[in-house]
Amino acid sequence: MLKYLIAVALFGLVHAQFQSGIVYLFDPTGKSQVTGNVTFTKTPNGIHVEGVVQGLAPGLHGFHVHDLGNIVGGCTATSGHFNPHKKTHGAPEDSIRHVGDLGNIVADQSGVAKIDIVDNVIALNGQNGIIGRGVVVHEKADDLGKGGNKDSLITGNAGGRVACGVIGVICREIFIAFWTTRIYNLNRFDIVRYNGLI
């Protein structure tokens, strides 16, 4: 049954044009209590990024799509910012930026950050496609490439990684995530979690 569902999921991945994605954020090492859920939805104006992250220190936190959908051993396994065009780091509104540069999220005094942005550089398909890649929340503010040093143009000096996850897809009635090998039922969706689908 598992092999059949995986085969169906893979067939869907090959032929689908994704309309939405979803990521669950947490710290795989257990050192941080930060968690969250974020969705990525295709709209006429770009990708609508929406969600909530909790357990943060109040203030700004860098929020990026990273190159690799790998969280085995912790968030550092996601590698650097998703940057297929080999540009320097910048703000979401800059013409020169990494594809994965989504700026900062802002946590209130209770440690909750509500995300509601639209980005017209990331995509769900094609060269800028983010499905299967990592999302990372950083411990510090992203200086948006304006910090005046080398690291600013690479990482935004955003510090350590307090939570991460791998972007899955919602395709018809199949939600495909990427870090375990179990099958669960959730309402009317079959959730296939299979390490290494992409």
C-alpha atoms as a PDB file:
ATOM      1  CA  MET A   1       0.000   0.000   0.000  1.00  0.00           C
ATOM      2  CA  LEU A   2       2.818   2.403   0.888  1.00  0.00           C
ATOM      3  CA  LYS A   3       4.600   1.762  -2.425  1.00  0.00           C
ATOM      4  CA  TYR A   4       1.354   2.326  -4.320  1.00  0.00           C
ATOM      5  CA  LEU A   5       0.678   5.646  -2.597  1.00  0.00           C
ATOM      6  CA  ILE A   6       4.253   6.795  -3.157  1.00  0.00           C
ATOM      7  CA  ALA A   7       4.002   5.892  -6.846  1.00  0.00           C
ATOM      8  CA  VAL A   8       0.769   7.868  -7.153  1.00  0.00           C
ATOM      9  CA  ALA A   9       2.341  10.806  -5.358  1.00  0.00           C
ATOM     10  CA  LEU A  10       5.427  10.753  -7.587  1.00  0.00           C
ATOM     11  CA  PHE A  11       3.291  10.634 -10.717  1.00  0.00           C
ATOM     12  CA  GLY A  12       1.382  13.644  -9.433  1.00  0.00           C
ATOM     13  CA  LEU A  13       4.600  15.531  -8.712  1.00  0.00           C
ATOM     14  CA  VAL A  14       5.908  14.976 -12.210  1.00  0.00           C
ATOM     15  CA  HIS A  15       2.755  16.186 -13.929  1.00  0.00           C
ATOM     16  CA  ALA A  16       1.345  18.767 -11.541  1.00  0.00           C
ATOM     17  CA  GLN A  17       1.525  22.534 -11.691  1.00  0.00           C
ATOM     18  CA  PHE A  18       1.433  23.290  -8.002  1.00  0.00           C
ATOM     19  CA  GLN A  19      -1.008  25.877  -6.711  1.00  0.00           C
ATOM     20  CA  SER A  20      -0.058  25.791  -3.043  1.00  0.00           C
ATOM     21  CA  GLY A  21       2.566  24.590  -0.621  1.00  0.00           C
ATOM     22  CA  ILE A  22       2.806  24.178   3.130  1.00  0.00           C
ATOM     23  CA  VAL A  23       5.562  23.866   5.722  1.00  0.00           C
ATOM     24  CA  TYR A  24       5.610  22.923   9.398  1.00  0.00           C
ATOM     25  CA  LEU A  25       8.422  24.707  11.240  1.00  0.00           C
ATOM     26  CA  PHE A  26      10.218  23.327  14.294  1.00  0.00           C
ATOM     27  CA  ASP A  27      13.717  22.686  15.624  1.00  0.00           C
ATOM     28  CA  PRO A  28      14.714  19.096  14.778  1.00  0.00           C
ATOM     29  CA  THR A  29      17.379  19.176  17.520  1.00  0.00           C
ATOM     30  CA  GLY A  30      14.866  20.179  20.198  1.00  0.00           C
ATOM     31  CA  LYS A  31      16.995  23.077  21.445  1.00  0.00           C
ATOM     32  CA  SER A  32      14.412  25.675  20.468  1.00  0.00           C
ATOM     33  CA  GLN A  33      10.692  25.668  21.233  1.00  0.00           C
ATOM     34  CA  VAL A  34       9.845  27.648  18.094  1.00  0.00           C
ATOM     35  CA  THR A  35       7.095  26.112  15.948  1.00  0.00           C
ATOM     36  CA  GLY A  36       4.853  27.305  13.169  1.00  0.00           C
ATOM     37  CA  ASN A  37       2.810  26.608  10.071  1.00  0.00           C
ATOM     38  CA  VAL A  38       3.172  28.593   6.849  1.00  0.00           C
ATOM     39  CA  THR A  39       1.351  28.241   3.528  1.00  0.00           C
ATOM     40  CA  PHE A  40       2.423  29.398   0.080  1.00  0.00           C
ATOM     41  CA  THR A  41      -0.442  30.055  -2.314  1.00  0.00           C
ATOM     42  CA  LYS A  42      -0.279  31.062  -5.970  1.00  0.00           C
ATOM     43  CA  THR A  43      -2.223  34.270  -6.725  1.00  0.00           C
ATOM     44  CA  PRO A  44      -2.325  36.645  -9.730  1.00  0.00           C
ATOM     45  CA  ASN A  45      -0.041  39.022  -7.810  1.00  0.00           C
ATOM     46  CA  GLY A  46       2.555  36.492  -6.714  1.00  0.00           C
ATOM     47  CA  ILE A  47       2.927  33.894  -3.983  1.00  0.00           C
ATOM     48  CA  HIS A  48       0.890  34.688  -0.875  1.00  0.00           C
ATOM     49  CA  VAL A  49       2.893  33.621   2.177  1.00  0.00           C
ATOM     50  CA  GLU A  50       0.709  33.298   5.250  1.00  0.00           C
ATOM     51  CA  GLY A  51       1.080  31.710   8.656  1.00  0.00           C
ATOM     52  CA  VAL A  52       1.967  31.935  12.320  1.00  0.00           C
ATOM     53  CA  VAL A  53       5.228  31.208  14.116  1.00  0.00           C
ATOM     54  CA  GLN A  54       5.314  31.026  17.918  1.00  0.00           C
ATOM     55  CA  GLY A  55       7.936  30.672  20.633  1.00  0.00           C
ATOM     56  CA  LEU A  56      10.181  33.439  19.289  1.00  0.00           C
ATOM     57  CA  ALA A  57      12.007  36.165  21.176  1.00  0.00           C
ATOM     58  CA  PRO A  58      10.167  39.464  20.582  1.00  0.00           C
ATOM     59  CA  GLY A  59      11.446  41.431  17.601  1.00  0.00           C
ATOM     60  CA  LEU A  60      12.675  40.790  14.065  1.00  0.00           C
ATOM     61  CA  HIS A  61      13.748  37.388  12.761  1.00  0.00           C
ATOM     62  CA  GLY A  62      15.186  36.545   9.359  1.00  0.00           C
ATOM     63  CA  PHE A  63      12.854  34.367   7.291  1.00  0.00           C
ATOM     64  CA  HIS A  64      14.207  32.638   4.208  1.00  0.00           C
ATOM     65  CA  VAL A  65      13.726  29.785   1.780  1.00  0.00           C
ATOM     66  CA  HIS A  66      16.920  27.710   1.834  1.00  0.00           C
ATOM     67  CA  ASP A  67      18.392  25.595  -0.920  1.00  0.00           C
ATOM     68  CA  LEU A  68      17.963  22.087   0.439  1.00  0.00           C
ATOM     69  CA  GLY A  69      14.930  20.262   1.758  1.00  0.00           C
ATOM     70  CA  ASN A  70      17.010  18.422   4.327  1.00  0.00           C
ATOM     71  CA  ILE A  71      16.501  18.803   8.067  1.00  0.00           C
ATOM     72  CA  VAL A  72      18.164  15.564   9.155  1.00  0.00           C
ATOM     73  CA  GLY A  73      20.508  16.526  11.963  1.00  0.00           C
ATOM     74  CA  GLY A  74      19.142  20.044  12.302  1.00  0.00           C
ATOM     75  CA  CYS A  75      18.408  23.208  10.380  1.00  0.00           C
ATOM     76  CA  THR A  76      21.998  23.695   9.189  1.00  0.00           C
ATOM     77  CA  ALA A  77      21.407  20.847   6.716  1.00  0.00           C
ATOM     78  CA  THR A  78      19.199  23.163   4.623  1.00  0.00           C
ATOM     79  CA  SER A  79      22.402  24.843   3.375  1.00  0.00           C
ATOM     80  CA  GLY A  80      22.334  28.515   2.269  1.00  0.00           C
ATOM     81  CA  HIS A  81      19.570  30.729   0.911  1.00  0.00           C
ATOM     82  CA  PHE A  82      17.884  29.482  -2.258  1.00  0.00           C
ATOM     83  CA  ASN A  83      19.838  31.394  -4.903  1.00  0.00           C
ATOM     84  CA  PRO A  84      19.608  29.833  -8.381  1.00  0.00           C
ATOM     85  CA  HIS A  85      20.648  33.075 -10.103  1.00  0.00           C
ATOM     86  CA  LYS A  86      23.830  33.521  -8.023  1.00  0.00           C
ATOM     87  CA  LYS A  87      22.998  37.013  -6.785  1.00  0.00           C
ATOM     88  CA  THR A  88      23.911  38.675  -3.498  1.00  0.00           C
ATOM     89  CA  HIS A  89      21.581  38.821  -0.520  1.00  0.00           C
ATOM     90  CA  GLY A  90      19.015  41.618  -0.351  1.00  0.00           C
ATOM     91  CA  ALA A  91      15.574  42.730   0.749  1.00  0.00           C
ATOM     92  CA  PRO A  92      12.421  41.193  -0.730  1.00  0.00           C
ATOM     93  CA  GLU A  93      11.763  44.388  -2.714  1.00  0.00           C
ATOM     94  CA  ASP A  94      15.310  44.621  -4.129  1.00  0.00           C
ATOM     95  CA  SER A  95      16.032  43.728  -7.755  1.00  0.00           C
ATOM     96  CA  ILE A  96      19.269  42.057  -6.603  1.00  0.00           C
ATOM     97  CA  ARG A  97      18.400  39.401  -4.036  1.00  0.00           C
ATOM     98  CA  HIS A  98      18.336  35.680  -3.482  1.00  0.00           C
ATOM     99  CA  VAL A  99      15.117  34.040  -4.592  1.00  0.00           C
ATOM    100  CA  GLY A 100      14.747  32.824  -1.014  1.00  0.00           C
ATOM    101  CA  ASP A 101      15.097  36.281   0.567  1.00  0.00           C
ATOM    102  CA  LEU A 102      11.763  36.885   2.300  1.00  0.00           C
ATOM    103  CA  GLY A 103      13.068  39.498   4.762  1.00  0.00           C
ATOM    104  CA  ASN A 104      11.990  39.506   8.394  1.00  0.00           C
ATOM    105  CA  ILE A 105       9.033  38.362  10.405  1.00  0.00           C
ATOM    106  CA  VAL A 106       8.116  40.301  13.553  1.00  0.00           C
ATOM    107  CA  ALA A 107       7.353  38.563  16.844  1.00  0.00           C
ATOM    108  CA  ASP A 108       5.204  40.419  19.352  1.00  0.00           C
ATOM    109  CA  GLN A 109       5.798  40.489  23.111  1.00  0.00           C
ATOM    110  CA  SER A 110       4.215  37.061  23.454  1.00  0.00           C
ATOM    111  CA  GLY A 111       6.643  35.610  20.911  1.00  0.00           C
ATOM    112  CA  VAL A 112       4.106  35.200  18.101  1.00  0.00           C
ATOM    113  CA  ALA A 113       4.812  36.330  14.539  1.00  0.00           C
ATOM    114  CA  LYS A 114       1.956  36.541  12.058  1.00  0.00           C
ATOM    115  CA  ILE A 115       3.036  36.293   8.437  1.00  0.00           C
ATOM    116  CA  ASP A 116       1.013  37.821   5.613  1.00  0.00           C
ATOM    117  CA  ILE A 117       3.106  38.824   2.612  1.00  0.00           C
ATOM    118  CA  VAL A 118       3.026  38.505  -1.175  1.00  0.00           C
ATOM    119  CA  ASP A 119       6.287  37.849  -3.017  1.00  0.00           C
ATOM    120  CA  ASN A 120       6.641  37.916  -6.804  1.00  0.00           C
ATOM    121  CA  VAL A 121      10.071  36.255  -7.019  1.00  0.00           C
ATOM    122  CA  ILE A 122       9.523  32.868  -5.399  1.00  0.00           C
ATOM    123  CA  ALA A 123       7.390  30.422  -7.349  1.00  0.00           C
ATOM    124  CA  LEU A 124       5.819  27.014  -6.859  1.00  0.00           C
ATOM    125  CA  ASN A 125       7.054  25.717 -10.214  1.00  0.00           C
ATOM    126  CA  GLY A 126       9.985  26.281 -12.528  1.00  0.00           C
ATOM    127  CA  GLN A 127      13.479  27.624 -11.869  1.00  0.00           C
ATOM    128  CA  ASN A 128      12.365  29.669  -8.854  1.00  0.00           C
ATOM    129  CA  GLY A 129      10.216  26.849  -7.520  1.00  0.00           C
ATOM    130  CA  ILE A 130      10.387  26.347  -3.758  1.00  0.00           C
ATOM    131  CA  ILE A 131       8.578  23.008  -3.406  1.00  0.00           C
ATOM    132  CA  GLY A 132      10.836  20.510  -1.629  1.00  0.00           C
ATOM    133  CA  ARG A 133      13.181  23.213  -0.346  1.00  0.00           C
ATOM    134  CA  GLY A 134      13.783  24.313   3.229  1.00  0.00           C
ATOM    135  CA  VAL A 135      12.360  27.257   5.156  1.00  0.00           C
ATOM    136  CA  VAL A 136      14.369  28.691   8.038  1.00  0.00           C
ATOM    137  CA  VAL A 137      13.526  31.132  10.830  1.00  0.00           C
ATOM    138  CA  HIS A 138      16.627  32.809  12.258  1.00  0.00           C
ATOM    139  CA  GLU A 139      17.388  33.996  15.761  1.00  0.00           C
ATOM    140  CA  LYS A 140      18.264  37.563  14.731  1.00  0.00           C
ATOM    141  CA  ALA A 141      17.051  40.263  12.365  1.00  0.00           C
ATOM    142  CA  ASP A 142      18.067  40.103   8.708  1.00  0.00           C
ATOM    143  CA  ASP A 143      19.944  43.299   7.803  1.00  0.00           C
ATOM    144  CA  LEU A 144      18.727  42.850   4.201  1.00  0.00           C
ATOM    145  CA  GLY A 145      22.209  43.087   2.738  1.00  0.00           C
ATOM    146  CA  LYS A 146      22.767  46.573   4.129  1.00  0.00           C
ATOM    147  CA  GLY A 147      25.143  45.630   6.967  1.00  0.00           C
ATOM    148  CA  GLY A 148      28.310  46.761   5.229  1.00  0.00           C
ATOM    149  CA  ASN A 149      30.246  43.489   5.553  1.00  0.00           C
ATOM    150  CA  LYS A 150      30.747  40.309   3.537  1.00  0.00           C
ATOM    151  CA  ASP A 151      28.335  38.191   5.558  1.00  0.00           C
ATOM    152  CA  SER A 152      25.604  40.778   5.054  1.00  0.00           C
ATOM    153  CA  LEU A 153      25.626  40.012   1.333  1.00  0.00           C
ATOM    154  CA  ILE A 154      25.402  36.266   2.009  1.00  0.00           C
ATOM    155  CA  THR A 155      23.275  35.708   5.103  1.00  0.00           C
ATOM    156  CA  GLY A 156      22.033  39.138   6.205  1.00  0.00           C
ATOM    157  CA  ASN A 157      23.794  38.524   9.538  1.00  0.00           C
ATOM    158  CA  ALA A 158      20.617  36.853  10.759  1.00  0.00           C
ATOM    159  CA  GLY A 159      22.385  34.518  13.173  1.00  0.00           C
ATOM    160  CA  GLY A 160      21.484  30.977  14.135  1.00  0.00           C
ATOM    161  CA  ARG A 161      18.554  28.901  12.992  1.00  0.00           C
ATOM    162  CA  VAL A 162      15.752  28.448  15.533  1.00  0.00           C
ATOM    163  CA  ALA A 163      13.256  26.564  13.356  1.00  0.00           C
ATOM    164  CA  CYS A 164      13.014  25.004   9.928  1.00  0.00           C
ATOM    165  CA  GLY A 165      10.947  22.709   7.769  1.00  0.00           C
ATOM    166  CA  VAL A 166      10.565  21.326   4.259  1.00  0.00           C
ATOM    167  CA  ILE A 167       7.958  22.749   1.905  1.00  0.00           C
ATOM    168  CA  GLY A 168       5.434  20.127   0.838  1.00  0.00           C
ATOM    169  CA  VAL A 169       2.608  20.394  -1.655  1.00  0.00           C
ATOM    170  CA  ILE A 170      -1.135  20.090  -1.525  1.00  0.00           C
ATOM    171  CA  CYS A 171      -2.088  18.505  -4.830  1.00  0.00           C
ATOM    172  CA  ARG A 172      -5.725  17.504  -5.188  1.00  0.00           C
ATOM    173  CA  GLU A 173      -6.237  15.328  -2.101  1.00  0.00           C
ATOM    174  CA  ILE A 174      -2.606  14.398  -1.451  1.00  0.00           C
ATOM    175  CA  PHE A 175      -0.366  16.386   0.882  1.00  0.00           C
ATOM    176  CA  ILE A 176       3.212  15.324   0.362  1.00  0.00           C
ATOM    177  CA  ALA A 177       5.819  16.181   2.965  1.00  0.00           C
ATOM    178  CA  PHE A 178       9.372  15.007   3.012  1.00  0.00           C
ATOM    179  CA  TRP A 179      10.867  13.840   6.283  1.00  0.00           C
ATOM    180  CA  THR A 180       9.357  10.559   7.524  1.00  0.00           C
ATOM    181  CA  THR A 181       8.029   7.322   6.061  1.00  0.00           C
ATOM    182  CA  ARG A 182       4.597   7.025   7.660  1.00  0.00           C
ATOM    183  CA  ILE A 183       1.081   7.502   6.353  1.00  0.00           C
ATOM    184  CA  TYR A 184      -1.574   9.321   8.352  1.00  0.00           C
ATOM    185  CA  ASN A 185      -5.183  10.282   7.766  1.00  0.00           C
ATOM    186  CA  LEU A 186      -6.195  13.890   8.406  1.00  0.00           C
ATOM    187  CA  ASN A 187      -9.822  14.773   7.681  1.00  0.00           C
ATOM    188  CA  ARG A 188     -10.293  13.961   3.979  1.00  0.00           C
ATOM    189  CA  PHE A 189      -6.587  14.088   3.048  1.00  0.00           C
ATOM    190  CA  ASP A 190      -4.207  11.163   2.839  1.00  0.00           C
ATOM    191  CA  ILE A 191      -0.916  12.535   4.078  1.00  0.00           C
ATOM    192  CA  VAL A 192       2.083  10.837   2.579  1.00  0.00           C
ATOM    193  CA  ARG A 193       5.291  11.638   4.372  1.00  0.00           C
ATOM    194  CA  TYR A 194       8.229  10.148   2.548  1.00  0.00           C
ATOM    195  CA  ASN A 195      11.871  11.110   2.915  1.00  0.00           C
ATOM    196  CA  GLY A 196      13.500  12.192  -0.354  1.00  0.00           C
ATOM    197  CA  LEU A 197      10.546  12.460  -2.757  1.00  0.00           C
ATOM    198  CA  ILE A 198      12.209  15.546  -4.275  1.00  0.00           C
END
